[in-house]
C-alpha cells in the first residue's frame, strides 16, 4: 500500500506545529500507518458517523486525546484538514462542521482546477 498524504490549506500544519514533540511523533506514526498499511485499525482511523466520507485520525498519548479530520480522494490520496485536542467523549459538532466545509472547499477547488 502506498497512499499519498496532502495537507489542505494550512489548518493541519498550524495544529501540528502547536503540539509537543511526543504528540507530533505519535501523529507521525499514525500517518506512517495510513501511508503504508492497507487495512488501518479503527483505533487509528475511523469514519465519522453522519458524514459522507469524513474520517478522523485518532491519536492518544497518555490521557491526552487528539483528532485530525481527513478524507480520501481517488483511493490512494488522503487529505488532512483540521485537528484538535478532545476534552471529553463527544467530538464537538463545530469541529466536524469545520472539517465538512474544508472537505467541500477542497473538492470545489479541485473541480475548478486550482
N, C-alpha and C. Protein backbone atom coordinates (compact mmCIF):
# COMPACT_ATOMS: atom_id res chain seq x y z
N UNK A 1 0.86 -1.18 0.00
CA UNK A 1 0.00 0.00 0.00
C UNK A 1 0.89 1.23 0.00
N UNK A 2 0.52 2.19 -0.79
CA UNK A 2 1.29 3.42 -0.79
C UNK A 2 0.38 4.60 -1.06
N UNK A 3 -0.22 5.12 0.01
CA UNK A 3 -1.09 6.29 -0.12
C UNK A 3 -0.26 7.56 -0.04
N UNK A 4 -0.78 8.60 -0.63
CA UNK A 4 -0.15 9.92 -0.56
C UNK A 4 -0.98 10.77 0.39
N UNK A 5 -0.31 11.50 1.26
CA UNK A 5 -1.00 12.38 2.21
C UNK A 5 -0.71 13.82 1.82
N UNK A 6 -1.78 14.62 1.72
CA UNK A 6 -1.57 16.05 1.48
C UNK A 6 -2.29 16.84 2.56
N UNK A 7 -1.82 18.03 2.80
CA UNK A 7 -2.41 18.92 3.79
C UNK A 7 -3.19 19.99 3.03
N UNK A 8 -4.49 20.06 3.25
CA UNK A 8 -5.30 21.07 2.59
C UNK A 8 -5.20 22.38 3.37
N UNK A 9 -4.81 23.42 2.64
CA UNK A 9 -4.56 24.72 3.25
C UNK A 9 -3.55 24.53 4.38
N UNK A 10 -3.64 25.30 5.46
CA UNK A 10 -2.60 25.20 6.50
C UNK A 10 -3.15 24.81 7.87
N UNK A 11 -4.40 24.34 7.92
CA UNK A 11 -5.03 24.04 9.21
C UNK A 11 -4.28 22.94 9.97
N UNK A 12 -3.97 21.85 9.28
CA UNK A 12 -3.27 20.76 9.94
C UNK A 12 -1.87 21.19 10.40
N UNK A 13 -1.14 21.86 9.54
CA UNK A 13 0.24 22.29 9.87
C UNK A 13 0.24 23.19 11.10
N UNK A 14 -0.69 24.12 11.16
CA UNK A 14 -0.76 25.02 12.32
C UNK A 14 -1.04 24.23 13.60
N UNK A 15 -1.96 23.27 13.50
CA UNK A 15 -2.29 22.42 14.64
C UNK A 15 -1.06 21.59 15.04
N UNK A 16 -0.45 20.94 14.08
CA UNK A 16 0.69 20.05 14.32
C UNK A 16 1.86 20.78 14.98
N UNK A 17 2.18 21.96 14.46
CA UNK A 17 3.34 22.70 14.99
C UNK A 17 3.08 23.24 16.39
N UNK A 18 1.80 23.30 16.81
CA UNK A 18 1.49 23.80 18.15
C UNK A 18 1.62 22.71 19.22
N UNK A 19 1.83 21.47 18.79
CA UNK A 19 1.84 20.33 19.71
C UNK A 19 3.24 20.02 20.24
N UNK A 20 3.28 19.32 21.36
CA UNK A 20 4.55 18.87 21.92
C UNK A 20 5.14 17.78 21.03
N UNK A 21 6.46 17.63 21.08
CA UNK A 21 7.18 16.68 20.23
C UNK A 21 6.64 15.26 20.36
N UNK A 22 6.33 14.82 21.57
CA UNK A 22 5.81 13.46 21.76
C UNK A 22 4.50 13.22 21.02
N UNK A 23 3.64 14.23 21.00
CA UNK A 23 2.36 14.13 20.29
C UNK A 23 2.62 14.13 18.78
N UNK A 24 3.54 14.98 18.33
CA UNK A 24 3.90 15.01 16.92
C UNK A 24 4.42 13.65 16.46
N UNK A 25 5.24 13.01 17.30
CA UNK A 25 5.78 11.70 16.95
C UNK A 25 4.67 10.66 16.82
N UNK A 26 3.68 10.73 17.70
CA UNK A 26 2.55 9.79 17.63
C UNK A 26 1.74 10.04 16.35
N UNK A 27 1.53 11.31 16.01
CA UNK A 27 0.84 11.64 14.76
C UNK A 27 1.64 11.12 13.57
N UNK A 28 2.96 11.30 13.61
CA UNK A 28 3.82 10.80 12.53
C UNK A 28 3.65 9.29 12.35
N UNK A 29 3.54 8.58 13.48
CA UNK A 29 3.36 7.13 13.43
C UNK A 29 2.04 6.77 12.76
N UNK A 30 0.96 7.46 13.13
CA UNK A 30 -0.36 7.19 12.54
C UNK A 30 -0.34 7.53 11.05
N UNK A 31 0.33 8.62 10.67
CA UNK A 31 0.44 8.98 9.25
C UNK A 31 1.24 7.92 8.49
N UNK A 32 2.26 7.38 9.13
CA UNK A 32 3.04 6.29 8.51
C UNK A 32 2.14 5.09 8.24
N UNK A 33 1.31 4.73 9.22
CA UNK A 33 0.37 3.60 9.04
C UNK A 33 -0.56 3.88 7.86
N UNK A 34 -1.09 5.08 7.80
CA UNK A 34 -2.04 5.42 6.74
C UNK A 34 -1.37 5.32 5.37
N UNK A 35 -0.12 5.73 5.29
CA UNK A 35 0.59 5.66 4.02
C UNK A 35 0.91 4.23 3.61
N UNK A 36 1.18 3.35 4.60
CA UNK A 36 1.78 2.07 4.27
C UNK A 36 0.98 0.81 4.59
N UNK A 37 -0.09 0.92 5.36
CA UNK A 37 -0.85 -0.26 5.77
C UNK A 37 -2.19 -0.28 5.04
N UNK A 38 -2.52 -1.41 4.42
CA UNK A 38 -3.75 -1.48 3.64
C UNK A 38 -4.99 -1.32 4.51
N UNK A 39 -5.08 -2.09 5.58
CA UNK A 39 -6.25 -2.02 6.47
C UNK A 39 -5.82 -1.37 7.79
N UNK A 40 -6.18 -0.12 7.95
CA UNK A 40 -5.77 0.65 9.13
C UNK A 40 -6.75 0.33 10.26
N UNK A 41 -6.24 -0.06 11.43
CA UNK A 41 -7.14 -0.37 12.55
C UNK A 41 -8.00 0.83 12.95
N UNK A 42 -9.25 0.55 13.35
CA UNK A 42 -10.19 1.60 13.78
C UNK A 42 -9.61 2.40 14.95
N UNK A 43 -8.71 1.80 15.67
CA UNK A 43 -8.04 2.51 16.77
C UNK A 43 -7.36 3.78 16.27
N UNK A 44 -6.94 3.79 14.99
CA UNK A 44 -6.20 4.92 14.43
C UNK A 44 -6.97 5.72 13.38
N UNK A 45 -7.96 5.10 12.74
CA UNK A 45 -8.71 5.79 11.68
C UNK A 45 -10.15 5.31 11.72
N UNK A 46 -11.09 6.27 11.85
CA UNK A 46 -12.49 5.89 11.98
C UNK A 46 -13.37 6.84 11.18
N UNK A 47 -14.38 6.28 10.50
CA UNK A 47 -15.35 7.10 9.78
C UNK A 47 -16.21 7.86 10.79
N UNK A 48 -16.51 9.10 10.50
CA UNK A 48 -17.36 9.92 11.37
C UNK A 48 -18.81 9.63 11.01
N UNK A 49 -19.56 9.11 11.96
CA UNK A 49 -20.97 8.81 11.72
C UNK A 49 -21.73 10.07 11.33
N UNK A 50 -22.66 9.90 10.41
CA UNK A 50 -23.49 11.02 9.99
C UNK A 50 -22.84 11.92 8.95
N UNK A 51 -21.67 11.52 8.44
CA UNK A 51 -21.00 12.31 7.40
C UNK A 51 -20.78 11.44 6.17
N UNK A 52 -20.48 12.09 5.07
CA UNK A 52 -20.17 11.37 3.84
C UNK A 52 -18.67 11.44 3.60
N UNK A 53 -17.99 10.34 3.87
CA UNK A 53 -16.57 10.25 3.54
C UNK A 53 -15.63 11.05 4.42
N UNK A 54 -16.07 11.44 5.61
CA UNK A 54 -15.19 12.16 6.52
C UNK A 54 -14.70 11.19 7.59
N UNK A 55 -13.40 11.21 7.82
CA UNK A 55 -12.76 10.31 8.78
C UNK A 55 -12.00 11.11 9.81
N UNK A 56 -11.65 10.45 10.92
CA UNK A 56 -10.79 11.09 11.91
C UNK A 56 -9.61 10.18 12.20
N UNK A 57 -8.43 10.80 12.24
CA UNK A 57 -7.24 10.12 12.74
C UNK A 57 -7.35 10.20 14.25
N UNK A 58 -7.05 9.11 14.91
CA UNK A 58 -7.22 9.03 16.36
C UNK A 58 -5.84 8.87 17.00
N UNK A 59 -5.46 9.85 17.80
CA UNK A 59 -4.14 9.86 18.43
C UNK A 59 -4.35 9.97 19.94
N UNK A 60 -3.69 9.08 20.66
CA UNK A 60 -3.77 9.12 22.12
C UNK A 60 -2.37 9.02 22.70
N UNK A 61 -2.03 9.95 23.56
CA UNK A 61 -0.75 9.90 24.28
C UNK A 61 -1.06 10.13 25.75
N UNK A 62 -0.82 9.13 26.55
CA UNK A 62 -1.18 9.21 27.96
C UNK A 62 -2.68 9.38 28.08
N UNK A 63 -3.11 10.42 28.78
CA UNK A 63 -4.55 10.67 28.91
C UNK A 63 -5.03 11.71 27.90
N UNK A 64 -4.13 12.21 27.06
CA UNK A 64 -4.49 13.22 26.07
C UNK A 64 -4.97 12.55 24.78
N UNK A 65 -6.07 13.07 24.23
CA UNK A 65 -6.64 12.52 23.00
C UNK A 65 -6.71 13.64 21.96
N UNK A 66 -6.25 13.32 20.76
CA UNK A 66 -6.24 14.28 19.66
C UNK A 66 -6.95 13.67 18.46
N UNK A 67 -7.55 14.52 17.64
CA UNK A 67 -8.22 14.08 16.43
C UNK A 67 -7.79 14.98 15.27
N UNK A 68 -7.64 14.35 14.10
CA UNK A 68 -7.36 15.09 12.87
C UNK A 68 -8.36 14.57 11.84
N UNK A 69 -9.11 15.47 11.22
CA UNK A 69 -10.09 15.07 10.22
C UNK A 69 -9.43 14.93 8.86
N UNK A 70 -9.96 13.99 8.07
CA UNK A 70 -9.41 13.76 6.75
C UNK A 70 -10.47 13.11 5.86
N UNK A 71 -10.15 12.99 4.58
CA UNK A 71 -10.98 12.23 3.65
C UNK A 71 -10.06 11.60 2.62
N UNK A 72 -10.64 10.70 1.86
CA UNK A 72 -9.90 10.05 0.78
C UNK A 72 -10.34 10.66 -0.55
N UNK A 73 -9.41 10.71 -1.49
CA UNK A 73 -9.70 11.18 -2.84
C UNK A 73 -9.01 10.23 -3.80
N UNK A 74 -9.75 9.68 -4.74
CA UNK A 74 -9.20 8.77 -5.74
C UNK A 74 -8.48 7.59 -5.11
N UNK A 75 -8.98 7.12 -3.98
CA UNK A 75 -8.46 5.88 -3.38
C UNK A 75 -7.16 5.99 -2.62
N UNK A 76 -6.12 6.52 -3.24
CA UNK A 76 -4.80 6.50 -2.60
C UNK A 76 -4.32 7.87 -2.14
N UNK A 77 -5.21 8.85 -2.17
CA UNK A 77 -4.85 10.19 -1.75
C UNK A 77 -5.62 10.52 -0.47
N UNK A 78 -4.90 10.90 0.57
CA UNK A 78 -5.52 11.24 1.85
C UNK A 78 -5.33 12.73 2.08
N UNK A 79 -6.43 13.44 2.30
CA UNK A 79 -6.37 14.89 2.50
C UNK A 79 -6.64 15.19 3.97
N UNK A 80 -5.68 15.83 4.63
CA UNK A 80 -5.83 16.18 6.04
C UNK A 80 -6.40 17.59 6.17
N UNK A 81 -7.34 17.73 7.10
CA UNK A 81 -7.96 19.02 7.35
C UNK A 81 -7.55 19.53 8.73
N UNK A 82 -8.53 19.86 9.56
CA UNK A 82 -8.27 20.45 10.88
C UNK A 82 -8.04 19.38 11.95
N UNK A 83 -7.38 19.77 13.01
CA UNK A 83 -7.15 18.90 14.14
C UNK A 83 -7.46 19.62 15.43
N UNK A 84 -7.67 18.86 16.50
CA UNK A 84 -7.96 19.47 17.80
C UNK A 84 -7.69 18.46 18.90
N UNK A 85 -7.63 18.96 20.12
CA UNK A 85 -7.48 18.09 21.28
C UNK A 85 -8.87 17.85 21.86
N UNK A 86 -9.21 16.58 22.08
CA UNK A 86 -10.51 16.25 22.65
C UNK A 86 -10.49 16.48 24.15
N UNK A 87 -11.54 17.11 24.64
CA UNK A 87 -11.65 17.40 26.07
C UNK A 87 -12.64 16.46 26.76
N UNK A 88 -13.54 15.84 25.97
CA UNK A 88 -14.50 14.91 26.55
C UNK A 88 -14.87 13.85 25.51
N UNK A 89 -15.86 13.01 25.81
CA UNK A 89 -16.22 11.88 24.95
C UNK A 89 -16.73 12.30 23.58
N UNK A 90 -17.52 13.36 23.54
CA UNK A 90 -18.14 13.78 22.30
C UNK A 90 -17.21 14.64 21.46
N UNK A 91 -17.16 14.36 20.15
CA UNK A 91 -16.43 15.23 19.23
C UNK A 91 -17.30 16.47 19.00
N UNK A 92 -16.74 17.67 19.22
CA UNK A 92 -17.54 18.89 19.05
C UNK A 92 -18.11 19.01 17.63
N UNK A 93 -19.40 19.30 17.54
CA UNK A 93 -20.06 19.45 16.24
C UNK A 93 -19.41 20.56 15.43
N UNK A 94 -18.91 21.60 16.12
CA UNK A 94 -18.28 22.72 15.40
C UNK A 94 -17.03 22.25 14.66
N UNK A 95 -16.28 21.32 15.25
CA UNK A 95 -15.08 20.79 14.58
C UNK A 95 -15.46 19.94 13.37
N UNK A 96 -16.53 19.16 13.51
CA UNK A 96 -17.00 18.35 12.38
C UNK A 96 -17.48 19.25 11.25
N UNK A 97 -18.25 20.30 11.60
CA UNK A 97 -18.73 21.24 10.57
C UNK A 97 -17.56 21.91 9.85
N UNK A 98 -16.56 22.29 10.62
CA UNK A 98 -15.37 22.93 10.02
C UNK A 98 -14.72 21.97 9.02
N UNK A 99 -14.56 20.70 9.42
CA UNK A 99 -13.95 19.71 8.53
C UNK A 99 -14.81 19.48 7.28
N UNK A 100 -16.12 19.45 7.46
CA UNK A 100 -17.01 19.25 6.30
C UNK A 100 -16.89 20.42 5.33
N UNK A 101 -16.78 21.64 5.86
CA UNK A 101 -16.62 22.81 5.00
C UNK A 101 -15.28 22.76 4.25
N UNK A 102 -14.22 22.35 4.94
CA UNK A 102 -12.91 22.24 4.31
C UNK A 102 -12.93 21.17 3.22
N UNK A 103 -13.59 20.06 3.50
CA UNK A 103 -13.70 18.98 2.51
C UNK A 103 -14.44 19.48 1.26
N UNK A 104 -15.55 20.17 1.49
CA UNK A 104 -16.32 20.73 0.37
C UNK A 104 -15.47 21.71 -0.44
N UNK A 105 -14.75 22.56 0.24
CA UNK A 105 -13.88 23.54 -0.43
C UNK A 105 -12.78 22.83 -1.22
N UNK A 106 -12.20 21.78 -0.64
CA UNK A 106 -11.16 21.01 -1.34
C UNK A 106 -11.68 20.50 -2.68
N UNK A 107 -12.85 19.84 -2.66
CA UNK A 107 -13.39 19.26 -3.89
C UNK A 107 -13.86 20.34 -4.87
N UNK A 108 -14.39 21.45 -4.36
CA UNK A 108 -14.76 22.56 -5.25
C UNK A 108 -13.52 23.15 -5.92
N UNK A 109 -12.46 23.37 -5.14
CA UNK A 109 -11.22 23.91 -5.72
C UNK A 109 -10.65 22.95 -6.75
N UNK A 110 -10.74 21.67 -6.46
CA UNK A 110 -10.20 20.66 -7.38
C UNK A 110 -10.97 20.70 -8.71
N UNK A 111 -12.30 20.83 -8.61
CA UNK A 111 -13.13 20.91 -9.82
C UNK A 111 -12.75 22.10 -10.68
N UNK A 112 -12.45 23.21 -10.00
CA UNK A 112 -12.08 24.45 -10.71
C UNK A 112 -10.67 24.37 -11.26
N UNK A 113 -9.91 23.35 -10.81
CA UNK A 113 -8.55 23.19 -11.30
C UNK A 113 -7.53 24.07 -10.60
N UNK A 114 -7.84 24.45 -9.35
CA UNK A 114 -6.91 25.31 -8.61
C UNK A 114 -5.79 24.50 -8.01
